[in-house]
Amino acid sequence: MTDFDPGTPPAEALENDHLFAAWAATAAGSLLLGVRESGLEGKALKDAGDLASHELLMKLFAQYMPDDAVLSEEEHRGTSGQHDRRTAKRVWIIDPVDGTREYSEPPRDDWAVHVALWQEGALVAGAVAQPAMGKTFHTGQPPLVPARTAPRPRIAVSRTRPPAFVQELALEIGAELVPMGSAGAKVISVARDVTDAYVHAGGQYEWDSAAPVAVARAAGLFTSRIDGSELLYNQDEVLLPDLIVCRPELAEPILEFIAKHGTD
């Protein structure tokens, strides 16, 4: 897909970080859809998609945001691109393909592209593109979370390895589990009223949650680590293994259960 042309960002996107994040994530998503239709399968498709999306995003940041640092899943040992993220005032945190398993299983749509901006201590913009759905969710126009339609809470969990403690949590609060793919898809599912909470422990990195958390916060959802502390980004250690994203009214019962029972 070396001939893919993302075009140029709209003029307003060059002056608005929210819109630039959305444009970049959407462009990478379009590229990924093309790679997905190239005839590759399995690991070859995963690797090709990851590489193509990473290279495109790095090219876009170098061209349009040359003074900013980048932290990408595909290149994360301290420095990505031209600048050291540990001393930069602005750092883009990206996941070129979140949910490579689902990406490699057409026509699944529960995979995403994550683009977030960290600036001087906080997430300030973010976009989660779900290309197979034809949608990009971003902080410039946060999702309007509809009133809950399900009779009981729904918790998004991994379709391949749902944590045992989440199953116990579901029993405690009378919830049902909804399996799906990428972390981004799970977080956005809460904003879409597909689920009501996403609770995870056991291994993620900053790029897995930065953009989804930025969008979730902008939409008015509750976000924290599983002990209730704040989710922090652009840290020296990029491991960020746990998080909660939920409707605000579910935060207290979820945190109380975890404080009482733990996650083991």
C-alpha atoms as a PDB file:
ATOM      1  CA  MET A   1       0.000   0.000   0.000  1.00  0.00           C
ATOM      2  CA  THR A   2       2.918   2.349  -0.636  1.00  0.00           C
ATOM      3  CA  ASP A   3       0.743   4.272  -3.125  1.00  0.00           C
ATOM      4  CA  PHE A   4      -1.857   5.190  -0.496  1.00  0.00           C
ATOM      5  CA  ASP A   5      -2.506   8.932  -0.450  1.00  0.00           C
ATOM      6  CA  PRO A   6      -4.091  10.277   2.733  1.00  0.00           C
ATOM      7  CA  GLY A   7      -4.594  13.664   1.149  1.00  0.00           C
ATOM      8  CA  THR A   8      -3.989  16.834   3.105  1.00  0.00           C
ATOM      9  CA  PRO A   9      -5.645  17.617   6.411  1.00  0.00           C
ATOM     10  CA  PRO A  10      -8.379  20.262   6.385  1.00  0.00           C
ATOM     11  CA  ALA A  11      -7.055  23.687   7.290  1.00  0.00           C
ATOM     12  CA  GLU A  12      -8.971  23.644  10.576  1.00  0.00           C
ATOM     13  CA  ALA A  13      -7.287  20.362  11.563  1.00  0.00           C
ATOM     14  CA  LEU A  14      -3.884  22.039  11.413  1.00  0.00           C
ATOM     15  CA  GLU A  15      -5.059  24.510  14.036  1.00  0.00           C
ATOM     16  CA  ASN A  16      -7.098  22.129  16.202  1.00  0.00           C
ATOM     17  CA  ASP A  17      -5.510  19.127  17.913  1.00  0.00           C
ATOM     18  CA  HIS A  18      -8.842  17.334  18.307  1.00  0.00           C
ATOM     19  CA  LEU A  19      -9.543  17.511  14.594  1.00  0.00           C
ATOM     20  CA  PHE A  20      -5.990  16.576  13.645  1.00  0.00           C
ATOM     21  CA  ALA A  21      -6.158  13.482  15.839  1.00  0.00           C
ATOM     22  CA  ALA A  22      -9.438  12.517  14.173  1.00  0.00           C
ATOM     23  CA  TRP A  23      -8.075  13.140  10.675  1.00  0.00           C
ATOM     24  CA  ALA A  24      -4.879  11.145  11.286  1.00  0.00           C
ATOM     25  CA  ALA A  25      -6.733   8.194  12.846  1.00  0.00           C
ATOM     26  CA  THR A  26      -9.265   8.174  10.015  1.00  0.00           C
ATOM     27  CA  ALA A  27      -6.530   8.284   7.367  1.00  0.00           C
ATOM     28  CA  ALA A  28      -4.707   5.356   8.974  1.00  0.00           C
ATOM     29  CA  GLY A  29      -8.006   3.482   9.152  1.00  0.00           C
ATOM     30  CA  SER A  30      -8.592   3.958   5.439  1.00  0.00           C
ATOM     31  CA  LEU A  31      -5.130   2.599   4.727  1.00  0.00           C
ATOM     32  CA  LEU A  32      -5.799  -0.404   6.962  1.00  0.00           C
ATOM     33  CA  LEU A  33      -9.010  -1.231   5.103  1.00  0.00           C
ATOM     34  CA  GLY A  34      -7.010  -1.321   1.889  1.00  0.00           C
ATOM     35  CA  VAL A  35      -4.367  -3.597   3.396  1.00  0.00           C
ATOM     36  CA  ARG A  36      -7.163  -5.834   4.672  1.00  0.00           C
ATOM     37  CA  GLU A  37      -8.386  -6.292   1.097  1.00  0.00           C
ATOM     38  CA  SER A  38      -4.944  -7.113  -0.312  1.00  0.00           C
ATOM     39  CA  GLY A  39      -5.301 -10.887  -0.019  1.00  0.00           C
ATOM     40  CA  LEU A  40      -3.111 -11.317   3.059  1.00  0.00           C
ATOM     41  CA  GLU A  41      -4.313 -13.468   5.936  1.00  0.00           C
ATOM     42  CA  GLY A  42      -3.459 -14.252   9.562  1.00  0.00           C
ATOM     43  CA  LYS A  43      -0.106 -13.090  10.906  1.00  0.00           C
ATOM     44  CA  ALA A  44       0.943 -11.675   7.548  1.00  0.00           C
ATOM     45  CA  LEU A  45      -2.102  -9.408   7.555  1.00  0.00           C
ATOM     46  CA  LYS A  46      -1.533  -8.377  11.184  1.00  0.00           C
ATOM     47  CA  ASP A  47       2.108  -7.485  10.524  1.00  0.00           C
ATOM     48  CA  ALA A  48       1.424  -5.681   7.255  1.00  0.00           C
ATOM     49  CA  GLY A  49      -1.380  -3.625   8.761  1.00  0.00           C
ATOM     50  CA  ASP A  50       0.602  -2.692  11.868  1.00  0.00           C
ATOM     51  CA  LEU A  51       3.623  -1.606   9.848  1.00  0.00           C
ATOM     52  CA  ALA A  52       1.695   0.311   7.186  1.00  0.00           C
ATOM     53  CA  SER A  53      -0.409   2.210   9.721  1.00  0.00           C
ATOM     54  CA  HIS A  54       2.598   2.995  11.922  1.00  0.00           C
ATOM     55  CA  GLU A  55       4.652   4.285   9.006  1.00  0.00           C
ATOM     56  CA  LEU A  56       1.789   6.442   7.749  1.00  0.00           C
ATOM     57  CA  LEU A  57       1.110   7.980  11.160  1.00  0.00           C
ATOM     58  CA  MET A  58       4.796   8.681  11.760  1.00  0.00           C
ATOM     59  CA  LYS A  59       4.974  10.335   8.340  1.00  0.00           C
ATOM     60  CA  LEU A  60       1.933  12.503   9.090  1.00  0.00           C
ATOM     61  CA  PHE A  61       3.285  13.655  12.453  1.00  0.00           C
ATOM     62  CA  ALA A  62       6.706  14.392  10.981  1.00  0.00           C
ATOM     63  CA  GLN A  63       5.096  16.425   8.199  1.00  0.00           C
ATOM     64  CA  TYR A  64       2.392  18.293  10.056  1.00  0.00           C
ATOM     65  CA  MET A  65       3.459  18.247  13.720  1.00  0.00           C
ATOM     66  CA  PRO A  66       7.260  18.305  13.403  1.00  0.00           C
ATOM     67  CA  ASP A  67       7.912  19.797  16.836  1.00  0.00           C
ATOM     68  CA  ASP A  68       6.011  17.073  18.717  1.00  0.00           C
ATOM     69  CA  ALA A  69       7.246  13.716  20.012  1.00  0.00           C
ATOM     70  CA  VAL A  70       5.489  10.417  19.299  1.00  0.00           C
ATOM     71  CA  LEU A  71       5.083   7.310  21.430  1.00  0.00           C
ATOM     72  CA  SER A  72       3.921   4.397  19.281  1.00  0.00           C
ATOM     73  CA  GLU A  73       3.340   0.759  20.111  1.00  0.00           C
ATOM     74  CA  GLU A  74       5.555  -0.137  17.179  1.00  0.00           C
ATOM     75  CA  GLU A  75       8.507   1.967  18.327  1.00  0.00           C
ATOM     76  CA  HIS A  76       8.445   2.630  22.032  1.00  0.00           C
ATOM     77  CA  ARG A  77      11.869   2.339  23.632  1.00  0.00           C
ATOM     78  CA  GLY A  78      12.123   5.869  24.951  1.00  0.00           C
ATOM     79  CA  THR A  79      12.132   7.867  21.736  1.00  0.00           C
ATOM     80  CA  SER A  80       9.931   7.648  18.665  1.00  0.00           C
ATOM     81  CA  GLY A  81      10.390   9.891  15.658  1.00  0.00           C
ATOM     82  CA  GLN A  82      12.572  12.959  15.955  1.00  0.00           C
ATOM     83  CA  HIS A  83      12.088  13.969  19.596  1.00  0.00           C
ATOM     84  CA  ASP A  84      12.549  12.438  23.029  1.00  0.00           C
ATOM     85  CA  ARG A  85       9.099  12.076  24.552  1.00  0.00           C
ATOM     86  CA  ARG A  86      10.526  12.249  28.075  1.00  0.00           C
ATOM     87  CA  THR A  87      11.495  15.907  27.642  1.00  0.00           C
ATOM     88  CA  ALA A  88       8.881  16.996  25.105  1.00  0.00           C
ATOM     89  CA  LYS A  89       5.962  19.220  26.071  1.00  0.00           C
ATOM     90  CA  ARG A  90       3.665  17.536  23.548  1.00  0.00           C
ATOM     91  CA  VAL A  91       3.597  13.795  22.848  1.00  0.00           C
ATOM     92  CA  TRP A  92       1.283  11.917  20.504  1.00  0.00           C
ATOM     93  CA  ILE A  93       0.497   8.444  21.889  1.00  0.00           C
ATOM     94  CA  ILE A  94      -0.609   6.095  19.129  1.00  0.00           C
ATOM     95  CA  ASP A  95      -1.618   2.523  18.527  1.00  0.00           C
ATOM     96  CA  PRO A  96      -1.557   1.905  14.761  1.00  0.00           C
ATOM     97  CA  VAL A  97      -3.836  -1.157  15.077  1.00  0.00           C
ATOM     98  CA  ASP A  98      -5.524  -1.900  18.366  1.00  0.00           C
ATOM     99  CA  GLY A  99      -6.931  -5.412  18.144  1.00  0.00           C
ATOM    100  CA  THR A 100      -4.775  -7.060  15.486  1.00  0.00           C
ATOM    101  CA  ARG A 101      -6.541 -10.398  16.032  1.00  0.00           C
ATOM    102  CA  GLU A 102      -9.882  -8.871  15.105  1.00  0.00           C
ATOM    103  CA  TYR A 103      -8.325  -6.887  12.262  1.00  0.00           C
ATOM    104  CA  SER A 104      -7.070 -10.144  10.756  1.00  0.00           C
ATOM    105  CA  GLU A 105     -10.558 -11.698  10.903  1.00  0.00           C
ATOM    106  CA  PRO A 106     -12.701  -9.875   8.303  1.00  0.00           C
ATOM    107  CA  PRO A 107     -15.445  -8.721   8.529  1.00  0.00           C
ATOM    108  CA  ARG A 108     -15.026  -8.089  12.293  1.00  0.00           C
ATOM    109  CA  ASP A 109     -15.299  -4.411  13.182  1.00  0.00           C
ATOM    110  CA  ASP A 110     -14.055  -4.482  16.815  1.00  0.00           C
ATOM    111  CA  TRP A 111     -10.563  -3.136  16.089  1.00  0.00           C
ATOM    112  CA  ALA A 112      -9.371   0.449  16.052  1.00  0.00           C
ATOM    113  CA  VAL A 113      -6.714   3.084  15.434  1.00  0.00           C
ATOM    114  CA  HIS A 114      -5.759   5.190  18.463  1.00  0.00           C
ATOM    115  CA  VAL A 115      -4.342   8.710  18.315  1.00  0.00           C
ATOM    116  CA  ALA A 116      -4.033  10.750  21.529  1.00  0.00           C
ATOM    117  CA  LEU A 117      -2.170  13.903  22.492  1.00  0.00           C
ATOM    118  CA  TRP A 118      -0.510  14.336  25.877  1.00  0.00           C
ATOM    119  CA  GLN A 119       0.536  17.876  26.735  1.00  0.00           C
ATOM    120  CA  GLU A 120       2.416  18.942  29.861  1.00  0.00           C
ATOM    121  CA  GLY A 121       0.961  16.292  32.138  1.00  0.00           C
ATOM    122  CA  ALA A 122      -2.470  15.476  30.761  1.00  0.00           C
ATOM    123  CA  LEU A 123      -4.334  13.990  27.831  1.00  0.00           C
ATOM    124  CA  VAL A 124      -5.745  16.926  25.887  1.00  0.00           C
ATOM    125  CA  ALA A 125      -7.061  15.335  22.686  1.00  0.00           C
ATOM    126  CA  GLY A 126      -7.826  11.906  21.329  1.00  0.00           C
ATOM    127  CA  ALA A 127      -9.459   9.969  18.534  1.00  0.00           C
ATOM    128  CA  VAL A 128     -10.483   6.344  18.131  1.00  0.00           C
ATOM    129  CA  ALA A 129     -11.209   5.300  14.564  1.00  0.00           C
ATOM    130  CA  GLN A 130     -13.199   2.131  13.998  1.00  0.00           C
ATOM    131  CA  PRO A 131     -12.676   1.903  10.244  1.00  0.00           C
ATOM    132  CA  ALA A 132     -14.798  -1.197   9.609  1.00  0.00           C
ATOM    133  CA  MET A 133     -17.726   0.707  11.162  1.00  0.00           C
ATOM    134  CA  GLY A 134     -16.925   3.818   9.145  1.00  0.00           C
ATOM    135  CA  LYS A 135     -16.735   5.916  12.316  1.00  0.00           C
ATOM    136  CA  THR A 136     -14.179   7.978  14.214  1.00  0.00           C
ATOM    137  CA  PHE A 137     -14.925   9.039  17.775  1.00  0.00           C
ATOM    138  CA  HIS A 138     -12.958  12.061  18.984  1.00  0.00           C
ATOM    139  CA  THR A 139     -12.668  14.711  21.654  1.00  0.00           C
ATOM    140  CA  GLY A 140     -13.505  17.567  19.291  1.00  0.00           C
ATOM    141  CA  GLN A 141     -17.060  16.276  19.100  1.00  0.00           C
ATOM    142  CA  PRO A 142     -17.417  13.836  21.996  1.00  0.00           C
ATOM    143  CA  PRO A 143     -19.978  11.058  21.726  1.00  0.00           C
ATOM    144  CA  LEU A 144     -23.315  11.818  23.343  1.00  0.00           C
ATOM    145  CA  VAL A 145     -23.811   8.899  25.683  1.00  0.00           C
ATOM    146  CA  PRO A 146     -27.455   7.824  25.451  1.00  0.00           C
ATOM    147  CA  ALA A 147     -29.546   6.792  28.409  1.00  0.00           C
ATOM    148  CA  ARG A 148     -28.957   3.172  29.334  1.00  0.00           C
ATOM    149  CA  THR A 149     -31.300   0.875  27.446  1.00  0.00           C
ATOM    150  CA  ALA A 150     -30.417  -2.501  28.987  1.00  0.00           C
ATOM    151  CA  PRO A 151     -32.326  -3.819  32.019  1.00  0.00           C
ATOM    152  CA  ARG A 152     -29.061  -4.712  33.774  1.00  0.00           C
ATOM    153  CA  PRO A 153     -25.450  -3.525  33.470  1.00  0.00           C
ATOM    154  CA  ARG A 154     -23.263  -4.872  30.667  1.00  0.00           C
ATOM    155  CA  ILE A 155     -19.491  -5.240  31.082  1.00  0.00           C
ATOM    156  CA  ALA A 156     -17.188  -5.442  28.059  1.00  0.00           C
ATOM    157  CA  VAL A 157     -14.609  -8.222  28.359  1.00  0.00           C
ATOM    158  CA  SER A 158     -11.969  -9.885  26.229  1.00  0.00           C
ATOM    159  CA  ARG A 159     -13.416 -12.375  23.781  1.00  0.00           C
ATOM    160  CA  THR A 160     -10.430 -14.707  24.341  1.00  0.00           C
ATOM    161  CA  ARG A 161      -9.389 -14.275  27.994  1.00  0.00           C
ATOM    162  CA  PRO A 162     -12.028 -12.655  30.237  1.00  0.00           C
ATOM    163  CA  PRO A 163     -10.571 -12.126  33.740  1.00  0.00           C
ATOM    164  CA  ALA A 164     -12.075 -14.330  36.430  1.00  0.00           C
ATOM    165  CA  PHE A 165     -12.558 -11.395  38.801  1.00  0.00           C
ATOM    166  CA  VAL A 166     -14.740  -9.619  36.228  1.00  0.00           C
ATOM    167  CA  GLN A 167     -17.003 -12.643  36.118  1.00  0.00           C
ATOM    168  CA  GLU A 168     -17.313 -12.413  39.901  1.00  0.00           C
ATOM    169  CA  LEU A 169     -17.941  -8.678  39.633  1.00  0.00           C
ATOM    170  CA  ALA A 170     -20.745  -9.335  37.160  1.00  0.00           C
ATOM    171  CA  LEU A 171     -22.399 -11.706  39.601  1.00  0.00           C
ATOM    172  CA  GLU A 172     -22.053  -9.173  42.422  1.00  0.00           C
ATOM    173  CA  ILE A 173     -23.698  -6.278  40.568  1.00  0.00           C
ATOM    174  CA  GLY A 174     -26.101  -8.323  38.444  1.00  0.00           C
ATOM    175  CA  ALA A 175     -24.332  -7.600  35.169  1.00  0.00           C
ATOM    176  CA  GLU A 176     -23.878  -9.563  31.969  1.00  0.00           C
ATOM    177  CA  LEU A 177     -20.576  -9.945  30.108  1.00  0.00           C
ATOM    178  CA  VAL A 178     -20.218  -8.789  26.503  1.00  0.00           C
ATOM    179  CA  PRO A 179     -17.149 -10.256  24.746  1.00  0.00           C
ATOM    180  CA  MET A 180     -15.418  -8.125  22.110  1.00  0.00           C
ATOM    181  CA  GLY A 181     -12.012  -7.340  20.690  1.00  0.00           C
ATOM    182  CA  SER A 182      -9.767  -4.314  21.088  1.00  0.00           C
ATOM    183  CA  ALA A 183      -9.491  -2.122  24.165  1.00  0.00           C
ATOM    184  CA  GLY A 184     -10.528   0.849  22.075  1.00  0.00           C
ATOM    185  CA  ALA A 185     -13.647  -0.923  20.870  1.00  0.00           C
ATOM    186  CA  LYS A 186     -14.510  -1.877  24.459  1.00  0.00           C
ATOM    187  CA  VAL A 187     -14.145   1.670  25.781  1.00  0.00           C
ATOM    188  CA  ILE A 188     -16.112   3.167  22.900  1.00  0.00           C
ATOM    189  CA  SER A 189     -18.814   0.522  23.394  1.00  0.00           C
ATOM    190  CA  VAL A 190     -19.578   2.189  26.736  1.00  0.00           C
ATOM    191  CA  ALA A 191     -20.082   5.548  25.024  1.00  0.00           C
ATOM    192  CA  ARG A 192     -22.297   3.875  22.407  1.00  0.00           C
ATOM    193  CA  ASP A 193     -24.596   2.165  24.955  1.00  0.00           C
ATOM    194  CA  VAL A 194     -23.449  -1.220  23.692  1.00  0.00           C
ATOM    195  CA  THR A 195     -22.029  -1.823  27.179  1.00  0.00           C
ATOM    196  CA  ASP A 196     -22.014   0.104  30.439  1.00  0.00           C
ATOM    197  CA  ALA A 197     -18.512  -0.615  31.754  1.00  0.00           C
ATOM    198  CA  TYR A 198     -15.106  -1.922  30.788  1.00  0.00           C
ATOM    199  CA  VAL A 199     -12.965  -3.252  33.627  1.00  0.00           C
ATOM    200  CA  HIS A 200      -9.501  -4.597  32.887  1.00  0.00           C
ATOM    201  CA  ALA A 201      -6.496  -5.829  34.831  1.00  0.00           C
ATOM    202  CA  GLY A 202      -3.562  -7.898  33.721  1.00  0.00           C
ATOM    203  CA  GLY A 203      -1.533  -6.125  31.096  1.00  0.00           C
ATOM    204  CA  GLN A 204      -1.892  -3.101  28.847  1.00  0.00           C
ATOM    205  CA  TYR A 205       0.328  -0.229  27.813  1.00  0.00           C
ATOM    206  CA  GLU A 206      -0.267   3.493  27.485  1.00  0.00           C
ATOM    207  CA  TRP A 207      -1.131   3.283  23.795  1.00  0.00           C
ATOM    208  CA  ASP A 208      -3.868   0.728  24.510  1.00  0.00           C
ATOM    209  CA  SER A 209      -5.932   3.203  26.501  1.00  0.00           C
ATOM    210  CA  ALA A 210      -4.743   6.800  25.963  1.00  0.00           C
ATOM    211  CA  ALA A 211      -6.987   7.726  23.037  1.00  0.00           C
ATOM    212  CA  PRO A 212     -10.041   5.775  24.262  1.00  0.00           C
ATOM    213  CA  VAL A 213      -9.707   7.287  27.736  1.00  0.00           C
ATOM    214  CA  ALA A 214      -9.448  10.802  26.289  1.00  0.00           C
ATOM    215  CA  VAL A 215     -12.660  10.243  24.324  1.00  0.00           C
ATOM    216  CA  ALA A 216     -14.410   8.609  27.291  1.00  0.00           C
ATOM    217  CA  ARG A 217     -13.525  11.514  29.596  1.00  0.00           C
ATOM    218  CA  ALA A 218     -14.773  14.032  27.034  1.00  0.00           C
ATOM    219  CA  ALA A 219     -18.040  12.078  26.832  1.00  0.00           C
ATOM    220  CA  GLY A 220     -18.500  12.335  30.604  1.00  0.00           C
ATOM    221  CA  LEU A 221     -17.693   8.731  31.482  1.00  0.00           C
ATOM    222  CA  PHE A 222     -15.795   7.722  34.611  1.00  0.00           C
ATOM    223  CA  THR A 223     -12.174   6.623  34.101  1.00  0.00           C
ATOM    224  CA  SER A 224      -9.561   5.424  36.593  1.00  0.00           C
ATOM    225  CA  ARG A 225      -7.196   2.655  37.466  1.00  0.00           C
ATOM    226  CA  ILE A 226      -8.754  -0.272  39.330  1.00  0.00           C
ATOM    227  CA  ASP A 227      -7.764   1.203  42.693  1.00  0.00           C
ATOM    228  CA  GLY A 228      -9.546   4.440  41.823  1.00  0.00           C
ATOM    229  CA  SER A 229      -6.367   6.428  41.148  1.00  0.00           C
ATOM    230  CA  GLU A 230      -5.876   8.591  38.091  1.00  0.00           C
ATOM    231  CA  LEU A 231      -4.685   7.150  34.790  1.00  0.00           C
ATOM    232  CA  LEU A 232      -1.352   8.848  33.997  1.00  0.00           C
ATOM    233  CA  TYR A 233       0.357   8.949  30.614  1.00  0.00           C
ATOM    234  CA  ASN A 234       3.778   9.614  29.100  1.00  0.00           C
ATOM    235  CA  GLN A 235       5.411   8.020  32.121  1.00  0.00           C
ATOM    236  CA  ASP A 236       8.943   6.587  32.113  1.00  0.00           C
ATOM    237  CA  GLU A 237       7.352   3.125  32.449  1.00  0.00           C
ATOM    238  CA  VAL A 238       4.767   2.765  29.699  1.00  0.00           C
ATOM    239  CA  LEU A 239       3.097  -0.290  31.248  1.00  0.00           C
ATOM    240  CA  LEU A 240      -0.397   0.726  32.368  1.00  0.00           C
ATOM    241  CA  PRO A 241      -1.950  -2.638  33.143  1.00  0.00           C
ATOM    242  CA  ASP A 242      -5.416  -1.836  34.451  1.00  0.00           C
ATOM    243  CA  LEU A 243      -8.321   0.547  34.012  1.00  0.00           C
ATOM    244  CA  ILE A 244     -12.008   1.155  34.579  1.00  0.00           C
ATOM    245  CA  VAL A 245     -14.226   3.016  32.135  1.00  0.00           C
ATOM    246  CA  CYS A 246     -17.895   3.113  33.016  1.00  0.00           C
ATOM    247  CA  ARG A 247     -21.052   5.120  33.376  1.00  0.00           C
ATOM    248  CA  PRO A 248     -20.558   7.346  36.440  1.00  0.00           C
ATOM    249  CA  GLU A 249     -23.263   5.608  38.477  1.00  0.00           C
ATOM    250  CA  LEU A 250     -21.425   2.283  38.226  1.00  0.00           C
ATOM    251  CA  ALA A 251     -18.062   3.558  39.462  1.00  0.00           C
ATOM    252  CA  GLU A 252     -18.805   3.199  43.182  1.00  0.00           C
ATOM    253  CA  PRO A 253     -20.078  -0.411  43.117  1.00  0.00           C
ATOM    254  CA  ILE A 254     -17.226  -1.486  40.832  1.00  0.00           C
ATOM    255  CA  LEU A 255     -14.536   0.155  42.970  1.00  0.00           C
ATOM    256  CA  GLU A 256     -16.090  -1.192  46.165  1.00  0.00           C
ATOM    257  CA  PHE A 257     -16.093  -4.745  44.801  1.00  0.00           C
ATOM    258  CA  ILE A 258     -12.448  -4.504  43.714  1.00  0.00           C
ATOM    259  CA  ALA A 259     -11.362  -2.976  47.031  1.00  0.00           C
ATOM    260  CA  LYS A 260     -13.060  -5.819  48.891  1.00  0.00           C
ATOM    261  CA  HIS A 261     -12.193  -8.780  46.667  1.00  0.00           C
ATOM    262  CA  GLY A 262      -9.154  -7.701  44.611  1.00  0.00           C
ATOM    263  CA  THR A 263      -8.436  -9.007  41.128  1.00  0.00           C
ATOM    264  CA  ASP A 264      -6.725 -12.347  41.878  1.00  0.00           C
END
